[in-house]
Amino acid sequence: MITKVVMFATVAIVLASIGIFTRNYAMLIGLIFLVMAWQAYKDMTAWVENSSKIRFGFDGSYLLISGSEFENKLLLSSVKKLVIQIRRKEPVSVLLYPASGSLEKLEGIKDMQSFVSDIKSIIGDSKVKYARFFHR
């Protein structure tokens, strides 16, 4: 983390000094964008750390989605369609279309193949469709 801060500070000082000494104020605008990018990066790293702590599991006919600050249950019998997105013949993500509510996209599961087989056995093959990655 220290090296990231030092690199950010170094680039900021270089951009500010170039902008001041050359009177090229576009460099100062670049400095503003650099600060905005740094803020986005800090927010993104926190999101990635939290998203890696999300767990998926089954409790009877419910899909349990839990993280460090939440727990959500989805009744699998309410799912009207299940789309398994594949890439190179391997499942990458699962899209659940419930009868009411919004689409649930599940990805980043460690053992996706067994998760897909478990959820297919609960939902039933008649509701399952396959799609290439990024196509629904």
N, C-alpha and C. Protein backbone atom coordinates (compact mmCIF):
# COMPACT_ATOMS: atom_id res chain seq x y z
N MET A 1 0.83 -1.19 0.00
CA MET A 1 0.00 0.00 0.00
C MET A 1 0.87 1.25 0.00
N ILE A 2 1.98 1.20 0.70
CA ILE A 2 2.87 2.36 0.78
C ILE A 2 3.42 2.69 -0.60
N THR A 3 3.79 1.66 -1.37
CA THR A 3 4.35 1.93 -2.70
C THR A 3 3.30 2.56 -3.62
N LYS A 4 2.04 2.17 -3.46
CA LYS A 4 0.98 2.77 -4.28
C LYS A 4 0.80 4.23 -3.94
N VAL A 5 0.87 4.56 -2.65
CA VAL A 5 0.73 5.95 -2.21
C VAL A 5 1.91 6.77 -2.69
N VAL A 6 3.12 6.22 -2.58
CA VAL A 6 4.32 6.93 -3.03
C VAL A 6 4.26 7.17 -4.53
N MET A 7 3.83 6.18 -5.28
CA MET A 7 3.73 6.35 -6.74
C MET A 7 2.69 7.40 -7.08
N PHE A 8 1.54 7.38 -6.41
CA PHE A 8 0.51 8.38 -6.65
C PHE A 8 1.04 9.77 -6.33
N ALA A 9 1.70 9.93 -5.19
CA ALA A 9 2.22 11.24 -4.79
C ALA A 9 3.29 11.72 -5.77
N THR A 10 4.15 10.83 -6.23
CA THR A 10 5.20 11.21 -7.18
C THR A 10 4.60 11.70 -8.49
N VAL A 11 3.65 10.97 -9.03
CA VAL A 11 3.01 11.38 -10.29
C VAL A 11 2.27 12.69 -10.10
N ALA A 12 1.61 12.86 -8.97
CA ALA A 12 0.88 14.11 -8.71
C ALA A 12 1.84 15.29 -8.63
N ILE A 13 2.98 15.13 -7.96
CA ILE A 13 3.96 16.21 -7.85
C ILE A 13 4.55 16.53 -9.22
N VAL A 14 4.87 15.51 -10.01
CA VAL A 14 5.42 15.75 -11.35
C VAL A 14 4.41 16.48 -12.22
N LEU A 15 3.17 16.05 -12.22
CA LEU A 15 2.15 16.74 -13.03
C LEU A 15 1.94 18.18 -12.58
N ALA A 16 1.91 18.40 -11.27
CA ALA A 16 1.70 19.76 -10.76
C ALA A 16 2.88 20.66 -11.10
N SER A 17 4.10 20.15 -10.94
CA SER A 17 5.27 20.99 -11.23
C SER A 17 5.41 21.27 -12.73
N ILE A 18 5.12 20.28 -13.57
CA ILE A 18 5.15 20.54 -15.01
C ILE A 18 4.10 21.57 -15.38
N GLY A 19 2.93 21.46 -14.81
CA GLY A 19 1.86 22.42 -15.09
C GLY A 19 2.20 23.83 -14.66
N ILE A 20 2.86 23.96 -13.51
CA ILE A 20 3.19 25.29 -13.00
C ILE A 20 4.37 25.90 -13.75
N PHE A 21 5.44 25.13 -13.95
CA PHE A 21 6.65 25.68 -14.57
C PHE A 21 6.47 25.95 -16.06
N THR A 22 5.70 25.15 -16.75
CA THR A 22 5.50 25.37 -18.19
C THR A 22 4.27 26.21 -18.48
N ARG A 23 3.53 26.52 -17.43
CA ARG A 23 2.27 27.25 -17.56
C ARG A 23 1.29 26.52 -18.49
N ASN A 24 1.41 25.21 -18.49
CA ASN A 24 0.50 24.36 -19.25
C ASN A 24 -0.52 23.83 -18.25
N TYR A 25 -1.62 24.52 -18.16
CA TYR A 25 -2.59 24.21 -17.13
C TYR A 25 -3.41 22.95 -17.45
N ALA A 26 -3.22 22.40 -18.63
CA ALA A 26 -3.85 21.12 -18.94
C ALA A 26 -3.29 20.02 -18.04
N MET A 27 -2.05 20.17 -17.61
CA MET A 27 -1.45 19.21 -16.68
C MET A 27 -2.19 19.23 -15.34
N LEU A 28 -2.64 20.40 -14.92
CA LEU A 28 -3.39 20.48 -13.67
C LEU A 28 -4.75 19.80 -13.81
N ILE A 29 -5.35 19.89 -14.99
CA ILE A 29 -6.60 19.16 -15.24
C ILE A 29 -6.32 17.66 -15.20
N GLY A 30 -5.17 17.27 -15.75
CA GLY A 30 -4.76 15.86 -15.65
C GLY A 30 -4.58 15.42 -14.22
N LEU A 31 -4.12 16.33 -13.37
CA LEU A 31 -3.97 16.03 -11.95
C LEU A 31 -5.32 15.78 -11.29
N ILE A 32 -6.32 16.54 -11.69
CA ILE A 32 -7.67 16.32 -11.16
C ILE A 32 -8.18 14.94 -11.55
N PHE A 33 -7.96 14.55 -12.81
CA PHE A 33 -8.37 13.21 -13.24
C PHE A 33 -7.58 12.12 -12.52
N LEU A 34 -6.33 12.40 -12.22
CA LEU A 34 -5.52 11.43 -11.48
C LEU A 34 -6.09 11.22 -10.08
N VAL A 35 -6.50 12.28 -9.43
CA VAL A 35 -7.10 12.17 -8.09
C VAL A 35 -8.41 11.39 -8.17
N MET A 36 -9.22 11.66 -9.20
CA MET A 36 -10.48 10.92 -9.35
C MET A 36 -10.21 9.44 -9.60
N ALA A 37 -9.21 9.12 -10.41
CA ALA A 37 -8.87 7.72 -10.68
C ALA A 37 -8.37 7.03 -9.41
N TRP A 38 -7.60 7.73 -8.59
CA TRP A 38 -7.11 7.17 -7.33
C TRP A 38 -8.28 6.84 -6.41
N GLN A 39 -9.25 7.74 -6.33
CA GLN A 39 -10.41 7.50 -5.48
C GLN A 39 -11.20 6.29 -5.98
N ALA A 40 -11.38 6.18 -7.29
CA ALA A 40 -12.08 5.03 -7.86
C ALA A 40 -11.32 3.74 -7.56
N TYR A 41 -10.00 3.79 -7.64
CA TYR A 41 -9.18 2.61 -7.36
C TYR A 41 -9.34 2.17 -5.90
N LYS A 42 -9.33 3.13 -4.97
CA LYS A 42 -9.48 2.79 -3.56
C LYS A 42 -10.85 2.15 -3.30
N ASP A 43 -11.89 2.70 -3.92
CA ASP A 43 -13.23 2.13 -3.75
C ASP A 43 -13.31 0.73 -4.36
N MET A 44 -12.65 0.54 -5.49
CA MET A 44 -12.70 -0.74 -6.19
C MET A 44 -11.97 -1.83 -5.39
N THR A 45 -10.85 -1.50 -4.77
CA THR A 45 -10.14 -2.52 -4.01
C THR A 45 -10.95 -2.98 -2.80
N ALA A 46 -11.66 -2.06 -2.17
CA ALA A 46 -12.52 -2.46 -1.05
C ALA A 46 -13.65 -3.35 -1.53
N TRP A 47 -14.21 -3.05 -2.69
CA TRP A 47 -15.29 -3.87 -3.25
C TRP A 47 -14.79 -5.27 -3.58
N VAL A 48 -13.60 -5.37 -4.16
CA VAL A 48 -13.05 -6.67 -4.52
C VAL A 48 -12.78 -7.50 -3.26
N GLU A 49 -12.28 -6.88 -2.21
CA GLU A 49 -12.05 -7.61 -0.97
C GLU A 49 -13.36 -8.14 -0.38
N ASN A 50 -14.41 -7.33 -0.41
CA ASN A 50 -15.69 -7.77 0.13
C ASN A 50 -16.36 -8.82 -0.75
N SER A 51 -16.21 -8.71 -2.07
CA SER A 51 -16.87 -9.66 -2.95
C SER A 51 -16.24 -11.05 -2.87
N SER A 52 -14.99 -11.12 -2.47
CA SER A 52 -14.35 -12.43 -2.34
C SER A 52 -14.84 -13.18 -1.11
N LYS A 53 -15.57 -12.51 -0.23
CA LYS A 53 -16.08 -13.14 0.98
C LYS A 53 -17.51 -13.63 0.84
N ILE A 54 -18.10 -13.50 -0.35
CA ILE A 54 -19.47 -13.94 -0.57
C ILE A 54 -19.49 -15.46 -0.72
N ARG A 55 -20.46 -16.09 -0.04
CA ARG A 55 -20.59 -17.54 -0.06
C ARG A 55 -21.96 -17.93 -0.58
N PHE A 56 -22.00 -19.05 -1.27
CA PHE A 56 -23.24 -19.59 -1.81
C PHE A 56 -23.46 -20.98 -1.24
N GLY A 57 -24.71 -21.31 -0.97
CA GLY A 57 -25.02 -22.63 -0.46
C GLY A 57 -26.50 -22.93 -0.63
N PHE A 58 -26.88 -24.14 -0.29
CA PHE A 58 -28.26 -24.58 -0.43
C PHE A 58 -28.80 -24.98 0.93
N ASP A 59 -30.05 -24.61 1.17
CA ASP A 59 -30.75 -25.02 2.38
C ASP A 59 -32.12 -25.52 1.93
N GLY A 60 -32.21 -26.81 1.69
CA GLY A 60 -33.46 -27.37 1.16
C GLY A 60 -33.71 -26.84 -0.25
N SER A 61 -34.80 -26.13 -0.44
CA SER A 61 -35.12 -25.57 -1.75
C SER A 61 -34.75 -24.09 -1.84
N TYR A 62 -33.91 -23.60 -0.93
CA TYR A 62 -33.47 -22.21 -0.94
C TYR A 62 -32.00 -22.12 -1.35
N LEU A 63 -31.68 -21.08 -2.07
CA LEU A 63 -30.30 -20.73 -2.36
C LEU A 63 -29.91 -19.66 -1.36
N LEU A 64 -28.86 -19.90 -0.60
CA LEU A 64 -28.37 -18.95 0.39
C LEU A 64 -27.19 -18.18 -0.19
N ILE A 65 -27.29 -16.87 -0.17
CA ILE A 65 -26.20 -16.00 -0.60
C ILE A 65 -25.84 -15.15 0.61
N SER A 66 -24.62 -15.30 1.12
CA SER A 66 -24.27 -14.56 2.33
C SER A 66 -22.89 -13.93 2.18
N GLY A 67 -22.76 -12.79 2.80
CA GLY A 67 -21.50 -12.07 2.82
C GLY A 67 -21.20 -11.64 4.24
N SER A 68 -20.25 -10.75 4.38
CA SER A 68 -19.87 -10.31 5.71
C SER A 68 -20.95 -9.44 6.36
N GLU A 69 -21.79 -8.79 5.54
CA GLU A 69 -22.77 -7.87 6.10
C GLU A 69 -24.21 -8.20 5.71
N PHE A 70 -24.45 -9.30 5.01
CA PHE A 70 -25.81 -9.60 4.58
C PHE A 70 -26.01 -11.10 4.42
N GLU A 71 -27.28 -11.50 4.35
CA GLU A 71 -27.66 -12.86 4.01
C GLU A 71 -28.96 -12.79 3.23
N ASN A 72 -29.01 -13.46 2.11
CA ASN A 72 -30.17 -13.43 1.24
C ASN A 72 -30.59 -14.87 0.93
N LYS A 73 -31.90 -15.12 0.95
CA LYS A 73 -32.44 -16.44 0.59
C LYS A 73 -33.28 -16.27 -0.66
N LEU A 74 -33.12 -17.20 -1.60
CA LEU A 74 -33.91 -17.20 -2.82
C LEU A 74 -34.58 -18.56 -2.94
N LEU A 75 -35.90 -18.56 -2.99
CA LEU A 75 -36.65 -19.79 -3.15
C LEU A 75 -36.47 -20.29 -4.58
N LEU A 76 -35.83 -21.43 -4.73
CA LEU A 76 -35.50 -21.92 -6.07
C LEU A 76 -36.73 -22.39 -6.84
N SER A 77 -37.81 -22.72 -6.17
CA SER A 77 -39.02 -23.09 -6.89
C SER A 77 -39.67 -21.89 -7.57
N SER A 78 -39.28 -20.67 -7.18
CA SER A 78 -39.82 -19.47 -7.81
C SER A 78 -39.02 -19.07 -9.06
N VAL A 79 -37.96 -19.78 -9.37
CA VAL A 79 -37.16 -19.47 -10.55
C VAL A 79 -37.86 -19.99 -11.78
N LYS A 80 -38.13 -19.09 -12.74
CA LYS A 80 -38.80 -19.52 -13.96
C LYS A 80 -37.83 -19.91 -15.06
N LYS A 81 -36.58 -19.41 -14.98
CA LYS A 81 -35.58 -19.76 -15.99
C LYS A 81 -34.19 -19.66 -15.38
N LEU A 82 -33.32 -20.60 -15.75
CA LEU A 82 -31.94 -20.62 -15.32
C LEU A 82 -31.08 -20.64 -16.58
N VAL A 83 -30.21 -19.66 -16.73
CA VAL A 83 -29.31 -19.60 -17.89
C VAL A 83 -27.89 -19.79 -17.38
N ILE A 84 -27.23 -20.80 -17.94
CA ILE A 84 -25.84 -21.08 -17.58
C ILE A 84 -24.97 -20.54 -18.70
N GLN A 85 -24.16 -19.56 -18.37
CA GLN A 85 -23.27 -18.98 -19.37
C GLN A 85 -21.97 -19.77 -19.37
N ILE A 86 -21.59 -20.24 -20.56
CA ILE A 86 -20.40 -21.08 -20.67
C ILE A 86 -19.34 -20.39 -21.50
N ARG A 87 -18.12 -20.77 -21.23
CA ARG A 87 -16.98 -20.30 -22.00
C ARG A 87 -16.00 -21.46 -22.08
N ARG A 88 -15.69 -21.85 -23.28
CA ARG A 88 -14.81 -23.01 -23.51
C ARG A 88 -15.34 -24.26 -22.81
N LYS A 89 -16.62 -24.46 -22.94
CA LYS A 89 -17.34 -25.63 -22.41
C LYS A 89 -17.34 -25.69 -20.88
N GLU A 90 -16.97 -24.63 -20.21
CA GLU A 90 -16.99 -24.58 -18.75
C GLU A 90 -17.97 -23.51 -18.30
N PRO A 91 -18.79 -23.77 -17.28
CA PRO A 91 -19.71 -22.74 -16.79
C PRO A 91 -18.94 -21.60 -16.11
N VAL A 92 -19.32 -20.38 -16.46
CA VAL A 92 -18.66 -19.20 -15.92
C VAL A 92 -19.58 -18.45 -14.97
N SER A 93 -20.86 -18.37 -15.33
CA SER A 93 -21.81 -17.68 -14.47
C SER A 93 -23.19 -18.29 -14.65
N VAL A 94 -24.06 -17.98 -13.69
CA VAL A 94 -25.42 -18.49 -13.69
C VAL A 94 -26.36 -17.30 -13.56
N LEU A 95 -27.37 -17.25 -14.43
CA LEU A 95 -28.39 -16.21 -14.36
C LEU A 95 -29.69 -16.85 -13.90
N LEU A 96 -30.25 -16.33 -12.82
CA LEU A 96 -31.51 -16.82 -12.29
C LEU A 96 -32.59 -15.78 -12.55
N TYR A 97 -33.65 -16.20 -13.22
CA TYR A 97 -34.78 -15.32 -13.50
C TYR A 97 -35.95 -15.75 -12.60
N PRO A 98 -36.16 -15.07 -11.47
CA PRO A 98 -37.28 -15.44 -10.61
C PRO A 98 -38.60 -14.95 -11.19
N ALA A 99 -39.69 -15.56 -10.74
CA ALA A 99 -41.02 -15.16 -11.22
C ALA A 99 -41.32 -13.72 -10.85
N SER A 100 -40.87 -13.28 -9.70
CA SER A 100 -41.01 -11.88 -9.32
C SER A 100 -39.68 -11.39 -8.79
N GLY A 101 -39.37 -10.16 -9.06
CA GLY A 101 -38.10 -9.61 -8.61
C GLY A 101 -37.13 -9.47 -9.76
N SER A 102 -35.90 -9.17 -9.42
CA SER A 102 -34.91 -8.90 -10.45
C SER A 102 -33.99 -10.09 -10.70
N LEU A 103 -33.30 -10.02 -11.78
CA LEU A 103 -32.36 -11.05 -12.21
C LEU A 103 -31.24 -11.18 -11.18
N GLU A 104 -30.83 -12.41 -10.92
CA GLU A 104 -29.69 -12.69 -10.04
C GLU A 104 -28.59 -13.29 -10.89
N LYS A 105 -27.42 -12.65 -10.92
CA LYS A 105 -26.28 -13.18 -11.65
C LYS A 105 -25.26 -13.67 -10.63
N LEU A 106 -24.92 -14.94 -10.72
CA LEU A 106 -23.99 -15.56 -9.79
C LEU A 106 -22.72 -15.92 -10.55
N GLU A 107 -21.60 -15.38 -10.09
CA GLU A 107 -20.33 -15.69 -10.73
C GLU A 107 -19.22 -15.66 -9.68
N GLY A 108 -18.08 -16.17 -10.05
CA GLY A 108 -16.96 -16.18 -9.12
C GLY A 108 -17.04 -17.27 -8.07
N ILE A 109 -17.83 -18.28 -8.33
CA ILE A 109 -17.97 -19.40 -7.39
C ILE A 109 -16.79 -20.35 -7.62
N LYS A 110 -16.17 -20.81 -6.55
CA LYS A 110 -14.95 -21.61 -6.67
C LYS A 110 -15.16 -22.88 -7.48
N ASP A 111 -16.13 -23.70 -7.12
CA ASP A 111 -16.39 -24.94 -7.83
C ASP A 111 -17.70 -24.78 -8.61
N MET A 112 -17.62 -24.05 -9.70
CA MET A 112 -18.82 -23.71 -10.47
C MET A 112 -19.49 -24.94 -11.05
N GLN A 113 -18.73 -25.93 -11.46
CA GLN A 113 -19.31 -27.12 -12.08
C GLN A 113 -20.23 -27.86 -11.11
N SER A 114 -19.80 -28.05 -9.88
CA SER A 114 -20.66 -28.74 -8.91
C SER A 114 -21.83 -27.86 -8.48
N PHE A 115 -21.61 -26.55 -8.41
CA PHE A 115 -22.71 -25.64 -8.08
C PHE A 115 -23.79 -25.72 -9.15
N VAL A 116 -23.39 -25.74 -10.42
CA VAL A 116 -24.35 -25.84 -11.52
C VAL A 116 -25.10 -27.16 -11.47
N SER A 117 -24.41 -28.25 -11.20
CA SER A 117 -25.11 -29.53 -11.14
C SER A 117 -26.08 -29.58 -9.96
N ASP A 118 -25.70 -28.98 -8.84
CA ASP A 118 -26.61 -28.95 -7.68
C ASP A 118 -27.85 -28.11 -7.96
N ILE A 119 -27.67 -26.95 -8.54
CA ILE A 119 -28.81 -26.07 -8.78
C ILE A 119 -29.71 -26.62 -9.89
N LYS A 120 -29.11 -27.30 -10.87
CA LYS A 120 -29.92 -27.93 -11.92
C LYS A 120 -30.78 -29.05 -11.36
N SER A 121 -30.24 -29.80 -10.41
CA SER A 121 -31.02 -30.90 -9.84
C SER A 121 -32.18 -30.37 -9.02
N ILE A 122 -32.05 -29.21 -8.43
CA ILE A 122 -33.15 -28.65 -7.63
C ILE A 122 -34.19 -27.99 -8.54
N ILE A 123 -33.74 -27.23 -9.53
CA ILE A 123 -34.66 -26.48 -10.39
C ILE A 123 -35.33 -27.37 -11.43
N GLY A 124 -34.57 -28.29 -12.00
CA GLY A 124 -35.12 -29.16 -13.05
C GLY A 124 -34.58 -28.77 -14.41
N ASP A 125 -34.35 -29.77 -15.25
CA ASP A 125 -33.74 -29.54 -16.56
C ASP A 125 -34.63 -28.75 -17.52
N SER A 126 -35.93 -28.75 -17.32
CA SER A 126 -36.83 -28.07 -18.26
C SER A 126 -36.67 -26.55 -18.19
N LYS A 127 -36.16 -26.01 -17.09
CA LYS A 127 -36.00 -24.57 -16.94
C LYS A 127 -34.58 -24.09 -17.25
N VAL A 128 -33.69 -25.01 -17.63
CA VAL A 128 -32.28 -24.69 -17.82
C VAL A 128 -31.99 -24.44 -19.29
N LYS A 129 -31.25 -23.35 -19.55
CA LYS A 129 -30.77 -23.03 -20.89
C LYS A 129 -29.28 -22.72 -20.79
N TYR A 130 -28.59 -22.96 -21.89
CA TYR A 130 -27.16 -22.67 -21.96
C TYR A 130 -26.95 -21.54 -22.95
N ALA A 131 -25.98 -20.71 -22.66
CA ALA A 131 -25.64 -19.60 -23.55
C ALA A 131 -24.14 -19.41 -23.52
N ARG A 132 -23.61 -18.91 -24.63
CA ARG A 132 -22.21 -18.56 -24.64
C ARG A 132 -22.02 -17.38 -23.71
N PHE A 133 -20.84 -17.24 -23.24
CA PHE A 133 -20.53 -16.15 -22.30
C PHE A 133 -20.90 -14.80 -22.91
N PHE A 134 -21.55 -13.97 -22.14
CA PHE A 134 -22.03 -12.63 -22.49
C PHE A 134 -23.23 -12.64 -23.42
N HIS A 135 -23.78 -13.79 -23.73
CA HIS A 135 -25.00 -13.87 -24.53
C HIS A 135 -26.09 -14.51 -23.68
N ARG A 136 -27.29 -13.94 -23.77
CA ARG A 136 -28.37 -14.50 -22.95
C ARG A 136 -29.37 -15.17 -23.83
